[in-house]
Amino acid sequence: MKDRYLFRGKRFDDGEWIIGGLVHTEDHWITGRNGELEYIKESTIGQCTGLKDKNGKLIFEGDVVNYQYASWDSEENNVTVEGQVIWTTAGFRVANAEGMCANVGDRPSTIEIIGNIHEA
């Protein structure tokens, strides 16, 4: 899963998302794109989970997703919740407003990216 070593960040000048390897210099975070180095906003950096959502899009830290899980306290077999992809010591997780956390890798085919925390 070499995609796990990809990072994403927004360029300073035009806000475009850049995906590539990550290098930290003394003053800036930069990532390579087509062999070029790009300055990106440190606050927008997110690592790739190495997994794709149900639409084939790579899932990154900071993505906002809809996630299905099996509920024990609901009449429905699966419940869909909205959450944010975060990194913890246990790996990439989806955390929602109620504090529920689920492993991203448990059921990536039930995840759908609907946005990210850096764009409204």
C-alpha atoms as a PDB file:
ATOM      1  CA  MET A   1       0.000   0.000   0.000  1.00  0.00           C
ATOM      2  CA  LYS A   2       2.382   2.690  -1.174  1.00  0.00           C
ATOM      3  CA  ASP A   3      -0.495   5.227  -1.151  1.00  0.00           C
ATOM      4  CA  ARG A   4      -0.125   5.338   2.642  1.00  0.00           C
ATOM      5  CA  TYR A   5       2.995   7.410   2.117  1.00  0.00           C
ATOM      6  CA  LEU A   6       1.188  10.095   0.153  1.00  0.00           C
ATOM      7  CA  PHE A   7       0.276  13.399   1.729  1.00  0.00           C
ATOM      8  CA  ARG A   8      -2.088  16.164   0.694  1.00  0.00           C
ATOM      9  CA  GLY A   9      -1.935  19.871   1.399  1.00  0.00           C
ATOM     10  CA  LYS A  10      -3.175  23.186  -0.004  1.00  0.00           C
ATOM     11  CA  ARG A  11      -0.772  25.467  -1.827  1.00  0.00           C
ATOM     12  CA  PHE A  12      -0.167  28.895  -0.323  1.00  0.00           C
ATOM     13  CA  ASP A  13      -0.631  30.837  -3.541  1.00  0.00           C
ATOM     14  CA  ASP A  14      -3.834  29.463  -5.069  1.00  0.00           C
ATOM     15  CA  GLY A  15      -5.252  26.989  -2.524  1.00  0.00           C
ATOM     16  CA  GLU A  16      -4.966  24.062  -4.959  1.00  0.00           C
ATOM     17  CA  TRP A  17      -4.670  20.605  -3.381  1.00  0.00           C
ATOM     18  CA  ILE A  18      -1.279  19.011  -3.962  1.00  0.00           C
ATOM     19  CA  ILE A  19      -0.673  15.288  -3.439  1.00  0.00           C
ATOM     20  CA  GLY A  20       2.812  13.841  -3.152  1.00  0.00           C
ATOM     21  CA  GLY A  21       5.653  13.034  -0.805  1.00  0.00           C
ATOM     22  CA  LEU A  22       6.219  15.315   2.171  1.00  0.00           C
ATOM     23  CA  VAL A  23       9.405  17.195   3.052  1.00  0.00           C
ATOM     24  CA  HIS A  24       9.782  19.665   5.907  1.00  0.00           C
ATOM     25  CA  THR A  25      12.274  22.452   5.406  1.00  0.00           C
ATOM     26  CA  GLU A  26      13.307  25.018   7.973  1.00  0.00           C
ATOM     27  CA  ASP A  27      10.523  27.433   7.036  1.00  0.00           C
ATOM     28  CA  HIS A  28       7.894  25.554   5.056  1.00  0.00           C
ATOM     29  CA  TRP A  29       6.247  22.239   4.309  1.00  0.00           C
ATOM     30  CA  ILE A  30       6.759  21.268   0.690  1.00  0.00           C
ATOM     31  CA  THR A  31       5.621  18.334  -1.370  1.00  0.00           C
ATOM     32  CA  GLY A  32       6.758  17.127  -4.749  1.00  0.00           C
ATOM     33  CA  ARG A  33       4.510  17.288  -7.789  1.00  0.00           C
ATOM     34  CA  ASN A  34       5.909  16.269 -11.151  1.00  0.00           C
ATOM     35  CA  GLY A  35       9.383  16.644  -9.690  1.00  0.00           C
ATOM     36  CA  GLU A  36       8.687  20.173  -8.447  1.00  0.00           C
ATOM     37  CA  LEU A  37       8.573  21.316  -4.843  1.00  0.00           C
ATOM     38  CA  GLU A  38       5.456  23.167  -3.706  1.00  0.00           C
ATOM     39  CA  TYR A  39       4.890  25.285  -0.604  1.00  0.00           C
ATOM     40  CA  ILE A  40       1.775  24.136   1.232  1.00  0.00           C
ATOM     41  CA  LYS A  41      -0.089  25.351   4.297  1.00  0.00           C
ATOM     42  CA  GLU A  42       1.029  23.247   7.260  1.00  0.00           C
ATOM     43  CA  SER A  43      -2.461  23.309   8.799  1.00  0.00           C
ATOM     44  CA  THR A  44      -3.914  21.524   5.733  1.00  0.00           C
ATOM     45  CA  ILE A  45      -1.516  18.565   5.657  1.00  0.00           C
ATOM     46  CA  GLY A  46      -3.144  15.139   5.843  1.00  0.00           C
ATOM     47  CA  GLN A  47      -1.734  11.674   5.292  1.00  0.00           C
ATOM     48  CA  CYS A  48      -3.365   9.171   2.981  1.00  0.00           C
ATOM     49  CA  THR A  49      -4.862   6.115   4.701  1.00  0.00           C
ATOM     50  CA  GLY A  50      -3.889   3.892   1.781  1.00  0.00           C
ATOM     51  CA  LEU A  51      -7.566   3.001   1.303  1.00  0.00           C
ATOM     52  CA  LYS A  52     -10.220   4.123  -1.167  1.00  0.00           C
ATOM     53  CA  ASP A  53     -13.841   4.972  -0.473  1.00  0.00           C
ATOM     54  CA  LYS A  54     -16.745   3.258  -2.208  1.00  0.00           C
ATOM     55  CA  ASN A  55     -16.324   5.615  -5.195  1.00  0.00           C
ATOM     56  CA  GLY A  56     -12.628   4.817  -5.637  1.00  0.00           C
ATOM     57  CA  LYS A  57     -11.301   8.077  -4.107  1.00  0.00           C
ATOM     58  CA  LEU A  58      -8.258   7.918  -1.841  1.00  0.00           C
ATOM     59  CA  ILE A  59      -9.159   8.617   1.804  1.00  0.00           C
ATOM     60  CA  PHE A  60      -7.024  11.236   3.594  1.00  0.00           C
ATOM     61  CA  GLU A  61      -6.758  12.412   7.160  1.00  0.00           C
ATOM     62  CA  GLY A  62      -9.109  15.401   7.481  1.00  0.00           C
ATOM     63  CA  ASP A  63     -11.727  14.031   5.090  1.00  0.00           C
ATOM     64  CA  VAL A  64     -15.351  14.209   6.192  1.00  0.00           C
ATOM     65  CA  VAL A  65     -17.102  10.953   5.379  1.00  0.00           C
ATOM     66  CA  ASN A  66     -20.355   9.086   5.682  1.00  0.00           C
ATOM     67  CA  TYR A  67     -19.644   5.737   7.330  1.00  0.00           C
ATOM     68  CA  GLN A  68     -21.868   2.697   7.820  1.00  0.00           C
ATOM     69  CA  TYR A  69     -21.596   0.500  10.857  1.00  0.00           C
ATOM     70  CA  ALA A  70     -23.628  -2.308  12.363  1.00  0.00           C
ATOM     71  CA  SER A  71     -25.713  -0.974  15.246  1.00  0.00           C
ATOM     72  CA  TRP A  72     -26.588  -3.071  18.264  1.00  0.00           C
ATOM     73  CA  ASP A  73     -29.180  -0.630  19.582  1.00  0.00           C
ATOM     74  CA  SER A  74     -31.081   0.141  16.382  1.00  0.00           C
ATOM     75  CA  GLU A  75     -33.773  -1.736  14.513  1.00  0.00           C
ATOM     76  CA  GLU A  76     -31.841  -1.030  11.325  1.00  0.00           C
ATOM     77  CA  ASN A  77     -29.030  -3.421  10.503  1.00  0.00           C
ATOM     78  CA  ASN A  78     -26.630  -0.654   9.429  1.00  0.00           C
ATOM     79  CA  VAL A  79     -26.545   2.952  10.543  1.00  0.00           C
ATOM     80  CA  THR A  80     -24.850   5.699   8.510  1.00  0.00           C
ATOM     81  CA  VAL A  81     -23.079   8.454  10.425  1.00  0.00           C
ATOM     82  CA  GLU A  82     -20.969  11.434   9.400  1.00  0.00           C
ATOM     83  CA  GLY A  83     -17.472  11.692  10.803  1.00  0.00           C
ATOM     84  CA  GLN A  84     -13.961  12.954  10.284  1.00  0.00           C
ATOM     85  CA  VAL A  85     -10.946  10.822   9.419  1.00  0.00           C
ATOM     86  CA  ILE A  86      -8.330  11.260  12.144  1.00  0.00           C
ATOM     87  CA  TRP A  87      -5.015   9.662  13.099  1.00  0.00           C
ATOM     88  CA  THR A  88      -4.713   8.050  16.533  1.00  0.00           C
ATOM     89  CA  THR A  89      -2.187   5.683  18.060  1.00  0.00           C
ATOM     90  CA  ALA A  90      -4.597   2.926  16.998  1.00  0.00           C
ATOM     91  CA  GLY A  91      -4.401   4.003  13.337  1.00  0.00           C
ATOM     92  CA  PHE A  92      -6.748   5.906  11.053  1.00  0.00           C
ATOM     93  CA  ARG A  93     -10.210   6.245  12.581  1.00  0.00           C
ATOM     94  CA  VAL A  94     -13.531   7.928  11.834  1.00  0.00           C
ATOM     95  CA  ALA A  95     -14.722  10.077  14.732  1.00  0.00           C
ATOM     96  CA  ASN A  96     -18.153  11.707  14.873  1.00  0.00           C
ATOM     97  CA  ALA A  97     -19.659  14.430  17.057  1.00  0.00           C
ATOM     98  CA  GLU A  98     -20.931  11.859  19.563  1.00  0.00           C
ATOM     99  CA  GLY A  99     -17.415  10.556  20.092  1.00  0.00           C
ATOM    100  CA  MET A 100     -17.895   7.270  18.247  1.00  0.00           C
ATOM    101  CA  CYS A 101     -14.734   5.999  16.649  1.00  0.00           C
ATOM    102  CA  ALA A 102     -14.393   3.271  14.043  1.00  0.00           C
ATOM    103  CA  ASN A 103     -11.368   1.909  12.198  1.00  0.00           C
ATOM    104  CA  VAL A 104     -11.197   3.231   8.640  1.00  0.00           C
ATOM    105  CA  GLY A 105      -9.905  -0.134   7.449  1.00  0.00           C
ATOM    106  CA  ASP A 106     -12.768  -2.192   8.912  1.00  0.00           C
ATOM    107  CA  ARG A 107     -15.205  -1.529   6.084  1.00  0.00           C
ATOM    108  CA  PRO A 108     -13.776   0.990   3.577  1.00  0.00           C
ATOM    109  CA  SER A 109     -16.428  -0.018   1.022  1.00  0.00           C
ATOM    110  CA  THR A 110     -19.041   1.637   3.279  1.00  0.00           C
ATOM    111  CA  ILE A 111     -17.160   4.954   3.436  1.00  0.00           C
ATOM    112  CA  GLU A 112     -18.084   7.844   1.146  1.00  0.00           C
ATOM    113  CA  ILE A 113     -16.058  11.069   1.146  1.00  0.00           C
ATOM    114  CA  ILE A 114     -18.419  14.068   1.336  1.00  0.00           C
ATOM    115  CA  GLY A 115     -15.870  16.828   1.962  1.00  0.00           C
ATOM    116  CA  ASN A 116     -12.969  17.727   4.211  1.00  0.00           C
ATOM    117  CA  ILE A 117     -12.379  19.945   7.223  1.00  0.00           C
ATOM    118  CA  HIS A 118     -10.495  22.555   5.170  1.00  0.00           C
ATOM    119  CA  GLU A 119     -13.339  23.429   2.802  1.00  0.00           C
ATOM    120  CA  ALA A 120     -16.837  24.559   3.673  1.00  0.00           C
END
